Amino acid sequence: MTEQPGPQQRIADAIRPAMLDGLQDAELIGAPGAVRINQWVDWIAAVVAGHVVGPIAAERDAFADRVDTLTEVARRHKEGYREAARDVQLLEARVAELEAEVARLREPGGPAGDQEVQPEVPPVGEDTPAQSLRDRLLARYPATAEALDRRASGNAEG
């Protein structure tokens, strides 16, 4: 009996007793007959392993590779979601701060209560270039402007 690797050996071990019992009355009696039967069993096991077990093992390996790939993609998406949720929380906190500041400035008895609120941006004239809302926001609140830029670029990509 020859030694065979893995599934081929298990298949040979399953086939061998039936063949030995079924062929005992054949003309292949004795040690030469047992050797010949063992060769047949080994050949059948090799064919079964090559045609049945081999493709199943290859399919299993390909499936495991796909699972690994999808697991990695899911991890990256989960990390991206965490970052996006963190950005949303920061922006919501900043919005709450700005709303509180606006409410404080609009109060009748507040710091600018009786005064008219003057913008910090000089009026647009011939000597001063006009600033966009984004530029003014970037100048006064750079973190908020950057977060809004990231959000806008994320929406443009998606």
N, C-alpha and C. Protein backbone atom coordinates (compact mmCIF):
# COMPACT_ATOMS: atom_id res chain seq x y z
N MET A 1 0.85 -1.16 0.00
CA MET A 1 0.00 0.00 0.00
C MET A 1 0.90 1.23 0.00
N THR A 2 0.59 2.19 -0.84
CA THR A 2 1.41 3.40 -0.94
C THR A 2 0.82 4.50 -0.07
N GLU A 3 1.70 5.36 0.41
CA GLU A 3 1.25 6.50 1.20
C GLU A 3 0.83 7.62 0.25
N GLN A 4 -0.32 8.20 0.51
CA GLN A 4 -0.84 9.28 -0.33
C GLN A 4 -1.23 10.44 0.56
N PRO A 5 -1.17 11.64 0.04
CA PRO A 5 -1.48 12.81 0.86
C PRO A 5 -2.98 13.04 1.03
N GLY A 6 -3.36 13.55 2.17
CA GLY A 6 -4.68 14.08 2.47
C GLY A 6 -5.90 13.33 1.99
N PRO A 7 -6.77 14.00 1.21
CA PRO A 7 -8.05 13.41 0.82
C PRO A 7 -7.89 12.15 -0.03
N GLN A 8 -6.82 12.10 -0.81
CA GLN A 8 -6.59 10.92 -1.64
C GLN A 8 -6.41 9.68 -0.76
N GLN A 9 -5.70 9.81 0.34
CA GLN A 9 -5.49 8.70 1.27
C GLN A 9 -6.81 8.28 1.91
N ARG A 10 -7.63 9.24 2.31
CA ARG A 10 -8.91 8.90 2.93
C ARG A 10 -9.83 8.17 1.95
N ILE A 11 -9.82 8.60 0.69
CA ILE A 11 -10.64 7.93 -0.33
C ILE A 11 -10.13 6.51 -0.56
N ALA A 12 -8.82 6.35 -0.64
CA ALA A 12 -8.24 5.01 -0.83
C ALA A 12 -8.59 4.10 0.34
N ASP A 13 -8.52 4.63 1.56
CA ASP A 13 -8.86 3.83 2.73
C ASP A 13 -10.33 3.42 2.73
N ALA A 14 -11.20 4.27 2.18
CA ALA A 14 -12.62 3.93 2.12
C ALA A 14 -12.91 2.88 1.05
N ILE A 15 -12.19 2.92 -0.05
CA ILE A 15 -12.44 2.00 -1.17
C ILE A 15 -11.78 0.64 -0.94
N ARG A 16 -10.60 0.63 -0.34
CA ARG A 16 -9.78 -0.58 -0.23
C ARG A 16 -10.52 -1.77 0.40
N PRO A 17 -11.19 -1.63 1.56
CA PRO A 17 -11.84 -2.81 2.16
C PRO A 17 -12.91 -3.43 1.25
N ALA A 18 -13.69 -2.60 0.59
CA ALA A 18 -14.74 -3.13 -0.29
C ALA A 18 -14.12 -3.88 -1.45
N MET A 19 -13.06 -3.35 -2.01
CA MET A 19 -12.42 -4.03 -3.14
C MET A 19 -11.77 -5.33 -2.69
N LEU A 20 -11.11 -5.32 -1.54
CA LEU A 20 -10.46 -6.54 -1.06
C LEU A 20 -11.50 -7.62 -0.76
N ASP A 21 -12.60 -7.23 -0.12
CA ASP A 21 -13.64 -8.21 0.18
C ASP A 21 -14.32 -8.70 -1.10
N GLY A 22 -14.58 -7.82 -2.01
CA GLY A 22 -15.29 -8.18 -3.23
C GLY A 22 -14.46 -8.97 -4.20
N LEU A 23 -13.16 -8.84 -4.14
CA LEU A 23 -12.30 -9.53 -5.11
C LEU A 23 -11.54 -10.70 -4.50
N GLN A 24 -11.88 -11.11 -3.29
CA GLN A 24 -11.14 -12.20 -2.65
C GLN A 24 -11.28 -13.51 -3.42
N ASP A 25 -12.40 -13.73 -4.04
CA ASP A 25 -12.60 -15.00 -4.76
C ASP A 25 -12.10 -14.91 -6.20
N ALA A 26 -11.58 -13.79 -6.58
CA ALA A 26 -11.06 -13.67 -7.95
C ALA A 26 -9.72 -14.38 -8.03
N GLU A 27 -9.15 -14.39 -9.17
CA GLU A 27 -7.89 -15.09 -9.37
C GLU A 27 -6.71 -14.30 -8.82
N LEU A 28 -6.99 -13.17 -8.27
CA LEU A 28 -5.93 -12.35 -7.68
C LEU A 28 -5.83 -12.66 -6.20
N ILE A 29 -5.50 -13.86 -5.85
CA ILE A 29 -5.43 -14.27 -4.45
C ILE A 29 -3.97 -14.24 -4.01
N GLY A 30 -3.78 -13.87 -2.76
CA GLY A 30 -2.45 -13.88 -2.19
C GLY A 30 -1.81 -12.50 -2.26
N ALA A 31 -0.51 -12.50 -1.94
CA ALA A 31 0.24 -11.24 -1.88
C ALA A 31 0.26 -10.52 -3.22
N PRO A 32 0.51 -11.20 -4.37
CA PRO A 32 0.50 -10.47 -5.63
C PRO A 32 -0.88 -9.87 -5.94
N GLY A 33 -1.94 -10.59 -5.57
CA GLY A 33 -3.29 -10.07 -5.79
C GLY A 33 -3.57 -8.85 -4.93
N ALA A 34 -3.14 -8.89 -3.67
CA ALA A 34 -3.34 -7.75 -2.77
C ALA A 34 -2.58 -6.53 -3.26
N VAL A 35 -1.36 -6.77 -3.77
CA VAL A 35 -0.58 -5.65 -4.32
C VAL A 35 -1.32 -5.03 -5.50
N ARG A 36 -1.83 -5.90 -6.39
CA ARG A 36 -2.54 -5.40 -7.57
C ARG A 36 -3.82 -4.64 -7.17
N ILE A 37 -4.55 -5.17 -6.20
CA ILE A 37 -5.76 -4.50 -5.72
C ILE A 37 -5.41 -3.15 -5.11
N ASN A 38 -4.33 -3.10 -4.32
CA ASN A 38 -3.91 -1.83 -3.72
C ASN A 38 -3.53 -0.82 -4.80
N GLN A 39 -2.93 -1.28 -5.86
CA GLN A 39 -2.60 -0.37 -6.97
C GLN A 39 -3.88 0.19 -7.60
N TRP A 40 -4.89 -0.68 -7.77
CA TRP A 40 -6.16 -0.21 -8.33
C TRP A 40 -6.81 0.82 -7.41
N VAL A 41 -6.80 0.51 -6.12
CA VAL A 41 -7.40 1.44 -5.13
C VAL A 41 -6.69 2.79 -5.18
N ASP A 42 -5.36 2.74 -5.22
CA ASP A 42 -4.60 4.00 -5.28
C ASP A 42 -4.93 4.78 -6.55
N TRP A 43 -5.07 4.08 -7.66
CA TRP A 43 -5.39 4.75 -8.93
C TRP A 43 -6.78 5.37 -8.87
N ILE A 44 -7.77 4.62 -8.35
CA ILE A 44 -9.14 5.15 -8.22
C ILE A 44 -9.15 6.37 -7.30
N ALA A 45 -8.45 6.27 -6.18
CA ALA A 45 -8.40 7.39 -5.24
C ALA A 45 -7.75 8.61 -5.88
N ALA A 46 -6.70 8.41 -6.67
CA ALA A 46 -6.04 9.54 -7.34
C ALA A 46 -6.99 10.20 -8.34
N VAL A 47 -7.74 9.38 -9.08
CA VAL A 47 -8.69 9.93 -10.05
C VAL A 47 -9.79 10.71 -9.34
N VAL A 48 -10.35 10.12 -8.28
CA VAL A 48 -11.42 10.80 -7.52
C VAL A 48 -10.89 12.10 -6.92
N ALA A 49 -9.71 12.04 -6.32
CA ALA A 49 -9.14 13.25 -5.71
C ALA A 49 -8.87 14.31 -6.76
N GLY A 50 -8.37 13.89 -7.92
CA GLY A 50 -8.05 14.86 -8.97
C GLY A 50 -9.27 15.49 -9.61
N HIS A 51 -10.32 14.70 -9.79
CA HIS A 51 -11.50 15.20 -10.49
C HIS A 51 -12.60 15.73 -9.58
N VAL A 52 -12.63 15.31 -8.33
CA VAL A 52 -13.70 15.74 -7.43
C VAL A 52 -13.16 16.66 -6.33
N VAL A 53 -12.20 16.16 -5.59
CA VAL A 53 -11.71 16.90 -4.43
C VAL A 53 -10.90 18.13 -4.85
N GLY A 54 -10.08 17.99 -5.88
CA GLY A 54 -9.25 19.12 -6.33
C GLY A 54 -10.06 20.35 -6.69
N PRO A 55 -11.07 20.23 -7.55
CA PRO A 55 -11.88 21.41 -7.88
C PRO A 55 -12.63 21.99 -6.68
N ILE A 56 -13.10 21.11 -5.79
CA ILE A 56 -13.79 21.61 -4.60
C ILE A 56 -12.83 22.40 -3.73
N ALA A 57 -11.61 21.90 -3.56
CA ALA A 57 -10.61 22.62 -2.77
C ALA A 57 -10.24 23.95 -3.42
N ALA A 58 -10.11 23.96 -4.75
CA ALA A 58 -9.80 25.21 -5.45
C ALA A 58 -10.93 26.22 -5.29
N GLU A 59 -12.16 25.74 -5.38
CA GLU A 59 -13.32 26.63 -5.21
C GLU A 59 -13.37 27.17 -3.78
N ARG A 60 -13.06 26.31 -2.81
CA ARG A 60 -13.03 26.74 -1.42
C ARG A 60 -11.97 27.83 -1.21
N ASP A 61 -10.79 27.63 -1.80
CA ASP A 61 -9.72 28.62 -1.67
C ASP A 61 -10.11 29.94 -2.32
N ALA A 62 -10.73 29.88 -3.49
CA ALA A 62 -11.17 31.11 -4.17
C ALA A 62 -12.23 31.82 -3.33
N PHE A 63 -13.13 31.07 -2.74
CA PHE A 63 -14.16 31.66 -1.89
C PHE A 63 -13.53 32.32 -0.67
N ALA A 64 -12.54 31.66 -0.06
CA ALA A 64 -11.85 32.24 1.09
C ALA A 64 -11.15 33.54 0.70
N ASP A 65 -10.57 33.59 -0.49
CA ASP A 65 -9.94 34.83 -0.96
C ASP A 65 -10.98 35.94 -1.11
N ARG A 66 -12.15 35.61 -1.66
CA ARG A 66 -13.21 36.62 -1.81
C ARG A 66 -13.68 37.11 -0.45
N VAL A 67 -13.81 36.20 0.51
CA VAL A 67 -14.23 36.59 1.85
C VAL A 67 -13.20 37.52 2.47
N ASP A 68 -11.91 37.21 2.30
CA ASP A 68 -10.86 38.08 2.83
C ASP A 68 -10.92 39.46 2.21
N THR A 69 -11.13 39.52 0.89
CA THR A 69 -11.21 40.80 0.20
C THR A 69 -12.40 41.61 0.71
N LEU A 70 -13.55 40.97 0.81
CA LEU A 70 -14.75 41.67 1.28
C LEU A 70 -14.61 42.11 2.73
N THR A 71 -13.92 41.32 3.53
CA THR A 71 -13.69 41.70 4.92
C THR A 71 -12.83 42.96 4.99
N GLU A 72 -11.80 43.03 4.16
CA GLU A 72 -10.94 44.22 4.13
C GLU A 72 -11.72 45.44 3.66
N VAL A 73 -12.53 45.27 2.63
CA VAL A 73 -13.36 46.39 2.13
C VAL A 73 -14.31 46.86 3.23
N ALA A 74 -14.92 45.93 3.94
CA ALA A 74 -15.84 46.29 5.02
C ALA A 74 -15.11 47.05 6.13
N ARG A 75 -13.89 46.64 6.45
CA ARG A 75 -13.11 47.37 7.46
C ARG A 75 -12.84 48.80 7.03
N ARG A 76 -12.44 48.96 5.76
CA ARG A 76 -12.18 50.33 5.27
C ARG A 76 -13.44 51.17 5.30
N HIS A 77 -14.57 50.59 4.91
CA HIS A 77 -15.83 51.34 4.93
C HIS A 77 -16.22 51.71 6.36
N LYS A 78 -15.98 50.80 7.29
CA LYS A 78 -16.30 51.07 8.69
C LYS A 78 -15.44 52.22 9.22
N GLU A 79 -14.15 52.22 8.86
CA GLU A 79 -13.27 53.32 9.28
C GLU A 79 -13.71 54.63 8.65
N GLY A 80 -14.08 54.59 7.38
CA GLY A 80 -14.57 55.79 6.71
C GLY A 80 -15.83 56.31 7.35
N TYR A 81 -16.72 55.41 7.73
CA TYR A 81 -17.96 55.82 8.39
C TYR A 81 -17.66 56.48 9.73
N ARG A 82 -16.71 55.90 10.48
CA ARG A 82 -16.34 56.50 11.77
C ARG A 82 -15.81 57.91 11.58
N GLU A 83 -14.94 58.09 10.57
CA GLU A 83 -14.39 59.42 10.31
C GLU A 83 -15.50 60.39 9.91
N ALA A 84 -16.41 59.95 9.07
CA ALA A 84 -17.51 60.82 8.64
C ALA A 84 -18.41 61.17 9.83
N ALA A 85 -18.69 60.20 10.69
CA ALA A 85 -19.52 60.47 11.87
C ALA A 85 -18.82 61.46 12.80
N ARG A 86 -17.51 61.31 12.93
CA ARG A 86 -16.74 62.24 13.77
C ARG A 86 -16.79 63.65 13.18
N ASP A 87 -16.65 63.76 11.85
CA ASP A 87 -16.75 65.07 11.19
C ASP A 87 -18.12 65.68 11.39
N VAL A 88 -19.17 64.87 11.29
CA VAL A 88 -20.53 65.38 11.49
C VAL A 88 -20.69 65.90 12.90
N GLN A 89 -20.18 65.18 13.89
CA GLN A 89 -20.29 65.64 15.27
C GLN A 89 -19.55 66.96 15.46
N LEU A 90 -18.36 67.07 14.88
CA LEU A 90 -17.61 68.33 15.00
C LEU A 90 -18.36 69.48 14.34
N LEU A 91 -18.92 69.23 13.17
CA LEU A 91 -19.66 70.28 12.48
C LEU A 91 -20.93 70.65 13.24
N GLU A 92 -21.63 69.67 13.79
CA GLU A 92 -22.83 69.98 14.57
C GLU A 92 -22.48 70.78 15.81
N ALA A 93 -21.36 70.44 16.44
CA ALA A 93 -20.93 71.21 17.62
C ALA A 93 -20.58 72.63 17.21
N ARG A 94 -19.92 72.78 16.07
CA ARG A 94 -19.55 74.12 15.60
C ARG A 94 -20.79 74.92 15.23
N VAL A 95 -21.77 74.27 14.61
CA VAL A 95 -23.03 74.96 14.27
C VAL A 95 -23.71 75.43 15.54
N ALA A 96 -23.74 74.58 16.58
CA ALA A 96 -24.36 74.97 17.85
C ALA A 96 -23.63 76.17 18.45
N GLU A 97 -22.29 76.17 18.38
CA GLU A 97 -21.53 77.32 18.88
C GLU A 97 -21.88 78.59 18.12
N LEU A 98 -21.93 78.47 16.80
CA LEU A 98 -22.24 79.65 15.98
C LEU A 98 -23.66 80.14 16.21
N GLU A 99 -24.61 79.23 16.37
CA GLU A 99 -25.99 79.64 16.65
C GLU A 99 -26.07 80.34 18.00
N ALA A 100 -25.34 79.84 18.99
CA ALA A 100 -25.31 80.49 20.30
C ALA A 100 -24.70 81.88 20.20
N GLU A 101 -23.64 82.01 19.41
CA GLU A 101 -23.01 83.32 19.24
C GLU A 101 -23.95 84.29 18.53
N VAL A 102 -24.65 83.82 17.50
CA VAL A 102 -25.60 84.67 16.79
C VAL A 102 -26.72 85.09 17.73
N ALA A 103 -27.24 84.16 18.53
CA ALA A 103 -28.31 84.49 19.47
C ALA A 103 -27.82 85.51 20.49
N ARG A 104 -26.59 85.34 20.95
CA ARG A 104 -26.02 86.29 21.92
C ARG A 104 -25.88 87.66 21.30
N LEU A 105 -25.45 87.72 20.05
CA LEU A 105 -25.27 89.01 19.38
C LEU A 105 -26.61 89.69 19.07
N ARG A 106 -27.65 88.92 18.89
CA ARG A 106 -28.96 89.49 18.56
C ARG A 106 -29.76 89.89 19.79
N GLU A 107 -29.33 89.52 20.96
CA GLU A 107 -30.06 89.89 22.18
C GLU A 107 -30.08 91.40 22.31
N PRO A 108 -31.24 91.96 22.77
CA PRO A 108 -31.33 93.42 22.91
C PRO A 108 -30.33 93.96 23.92
N GLY A 109 -30.06 93.26 24.97
CA GLY A 109 -29.14 93.76 25.98
C GLY A 109 -27.77 93.12 25.88
N GLY A 110 -27.49 92.46 24.79
CA GLY A 110 -26.23 91.75 24.62
C GLY A 110 -25.07 92.68 24.37
N PRO A 111 -23.89 92.15 24.06
CA PRO A 111 -22.70 92.96 23.88
C PRO A 111 -22.85 93.99 22.76
N ALA A 112 -23.61 93.67 21.76
CA ALA A 112 -23.82 94.63 20.68
C ALA A 112 -25.26 95.12 20.70
N GLY A 113 -25.86 95.08 21.89
CA GLY A 113 -27.28 95.34 22.06
C GLY A 113 -27.82 96.54 21.33
N ASP A 114 -27.32 97.71 21.64
CA ASP A 114 -27.87 98.91 21.03
C ASP A 114 -27.09 99.34 19.80
N GLN A 115 -25.99 98.71 19.59
CA GLN A 115 -25.17 99.09 18.44
C GLN A 115 -25.58 98.27 17.23
N GLU A 116 -25.36 98.84 16.12
CA GLU A 116 -25.59 98.09 14.89
C GLU A 116 -24.36 97.22 14.66
N VAL A 117 -24.57 95.97 14.35
CA VAL A 117 -23.45 95.06 14.13
C VAL A 117 -22.83 95.40 12.79
N GLN A 118 -21.54 95.71 12.85
CA GLN A 118 -20.81 96.05 11.63
C GLN A 118 -20.01 94.84 11.18
N PRO A 119 -20.01 94.55 9.91
CA PRO A 119 -19.20 93.43 9.43
C PRO A 119 -17.72 93.76 9.54
N GLU A 120 -16.91 92.74 9.78
CA GLU A 120 -15.47 92.94 9.88
C GLU A 120 -14.83 93.11 8.52
N VAL A 121 -15.53 92.73 7.49
CA VAL A 121 -15.00 92.84 6.14
C VAL A 121 -15.23 94.27 5.66
N PRO A 122 -14.19 94.91 5.17
CA PRO A 122 -14.38 96.29 4.68
C PRO A 122 -15.32 96.29 3.48
N PRO A 123 -16.02 97.37 3.26
CA PRO A 123 -16.93 97.44 2.12
C PRO A 123 -16.15 97.28 0.81
N VAL A 124 -16.85 96.72 -0.15
CA VAL A 124 -16.23 96.48 -1.44
C VAL A 124 -16.12 97.81 -2.17
N GLY A 125 -14.91 98.16 -2.51
CA GLY A 125 -14.68 99.39 -3.25
C GLY A 125 -13.73 99.12 -4.39
N GLU A 126 -13.27 100.18 -4.95
CA GLU A 126 -12.36 100.00 -6.07
C GLU A 126 -10.99 99.50 -5.60
N ASP A 127 -10.62 99.84 -4.38
CA ASP A 127 -9.29 99.48 -3.89
C ASP A 127 -9.24 98.08 -3.27
N THR A 128 -10.35 97.57 -2.77
CA THR A 128 -10.33 96.27 -2.09
C THR A 128 -11.04 95.23 -2.95
N PRO A 129 -10.41 94.07 -3.12
CA PRO A 129 -11.06 93.02 -3.91
C PRO A 129 -12.22 92.40 -3.13
N ALA A 130 -13.24 91.96 -3.82
CA ALA A 130 -14.40 91.33 -3.18
C ALA A 130 -14.00 89.94 -2.68
N GLN A 131 -14.45 89.60 -1.49
CA GLN A 131 -14.17 88.28 -0.93
C GLN A 131 -15.45 87.45 -0.99
N SER A 132 -15.26 86.20 -1.34
CA SER A 132 -16.42 85.32 -1.36
C SER A 132 -16.77 84.92 0.07
N LEU A 133 -17.94 84.37 0.23
CA LEU A 133 -18.37 83.91 1.54
C LEU A 133 -17.42 82.84 2.06
N ARG A 134 -16.97 81.98 1.16
CA ARG A 134 -16.04 80.92 1.55
C ARG A 134 -14.72 81.51 2.04
N ASP A 135 -14.21 82.55 1.35
CA ASP A 135 -12.95 83.18 1.77
C ASP A 135 -13.10 83.84 3.13
N ARG A 136 -14.24 84.50 3.36
CA ARG A 136 -14.46 85.14 4.66
C ARG A 136 -14.57 84.08 5.76
N LEU A 137 -15.26 82.98 5.44
CA LEU A 137 -15.39 81.90 6.41
C LEU A 137 -14.03 81.28 6.71
N LEU A 138 -13.22 81.11 5.66
CA LEU A 138 -11.88 80.55 5.83
C LEU A 138 -11.01 81.47 6.69
N ALA A 139 -11.16 82.77 6.50
CA ALA A 139 -10.36 83.73 7.27
C ALA A 139 -10.76 83.73 8.74
N ARG A 140 -12.05 83.62 9.01
CA ARG A 140 -12.51 83.75 10.39
C ARG A 140 -12.59 82.39 11.11
N TYR A 141 -13.06 81.35 10.39
CA TYR A 141 -13.24 80.03 10.99
C TYR A 141 -12.61 78.98 10.08
N PRO A 142 -11.30 78.85 10.08
CA PRO A 142 -10.64 77.94 9.13
C PRO A 142 -11.05 76.47 9.31
N ALA A 143 -11.23 76.01 10.52
CA ALA A 143 -11.60 74.60 10.73
C ALA A 143 -12.97 74.30 10.13
N THR A 144 -13.90 75.22 10.31
CA THR A 144 -15.25 75.03 9.76
C THR A 144 -15.20 75.03 8.24
N ALA A 145 -14.44 75.95 7.66
CA ALA A 145 -14.35 76.03 6.20
C ALA A 145 -13.72 74.76 5.63
N GLU A 146 -12.70 74.25 6.29
CA GLU A 146 -12.06 73.02 5.80
C GLU A 146 -13.01 71.83 5.90
N ALA A 147 -13.76 71.76 6.99
CA ALA A 147 -14.72 70.66 7.13
C ALA A 147 -15.80 70.74 6.06
N LEU A 148 -16.27 71.94 5.76
CA LEU A 148 -17.27 72.10 4.70
C LEU A 148 -16.68 71.75 3.34
N ASP A 149 -15.42 72.10 3.11
CA ASP A 149 -14.76 71.73 1.85
C ASP A 149 -14.66 70.21 1.71
N ARG A 150 -14.28 69.52 2.81
CA ARG A 150 -14.20 68.06 2.78
C ARG A 150 -15.57 67.46 2.50
N ARG A 151 -16.58 68.02 3.13
CA ARG A 151 -17.94 67.51 2.92
C ARG A 151 -18.38 67.72 1.47
N ALA A 152 -18.08 68.89 0.91
CA ALA A 152 -18.46 69.19 -0.47
C ALA A 152 -17.71 68.28 -1.44
N SER A 153 -16.42 68.05 -1.19
CA SER A 153 -15.66 67.18 -2.09
C SER A 153 -16.15 65.73 -1.96
N GLY A 154 -16.56 65.32 -0.77
CA GLY A 154 -17.12 63.98 -0.59
C GLY A 154 -18.44 63.82 -1.33
N ASN A 155 -19.28 64.86 -1.32
CA ASN A 155 -20.55 64.80 -2.05
C ASN A 155 -20.32 64.80 -3.54
N ALA A 156 -19.30 65.50 -4.01
CA ALA A 156 -19.01 65.56 -5.45
C ALA A 156 -18.50 64.21 -5.95
N GLU A 157 -17.73 63.50 -5.11
CA GLU A 157 -17.20 62.19 -5.51
C GLU A 157 -18.30 61.14 -5.51
N GLY A 158 -19.20 61.19 -4.54
CA GLY A 158 -20.24 60.15 -4.37
C GLY A 158 -21.35 60.32 -5.30
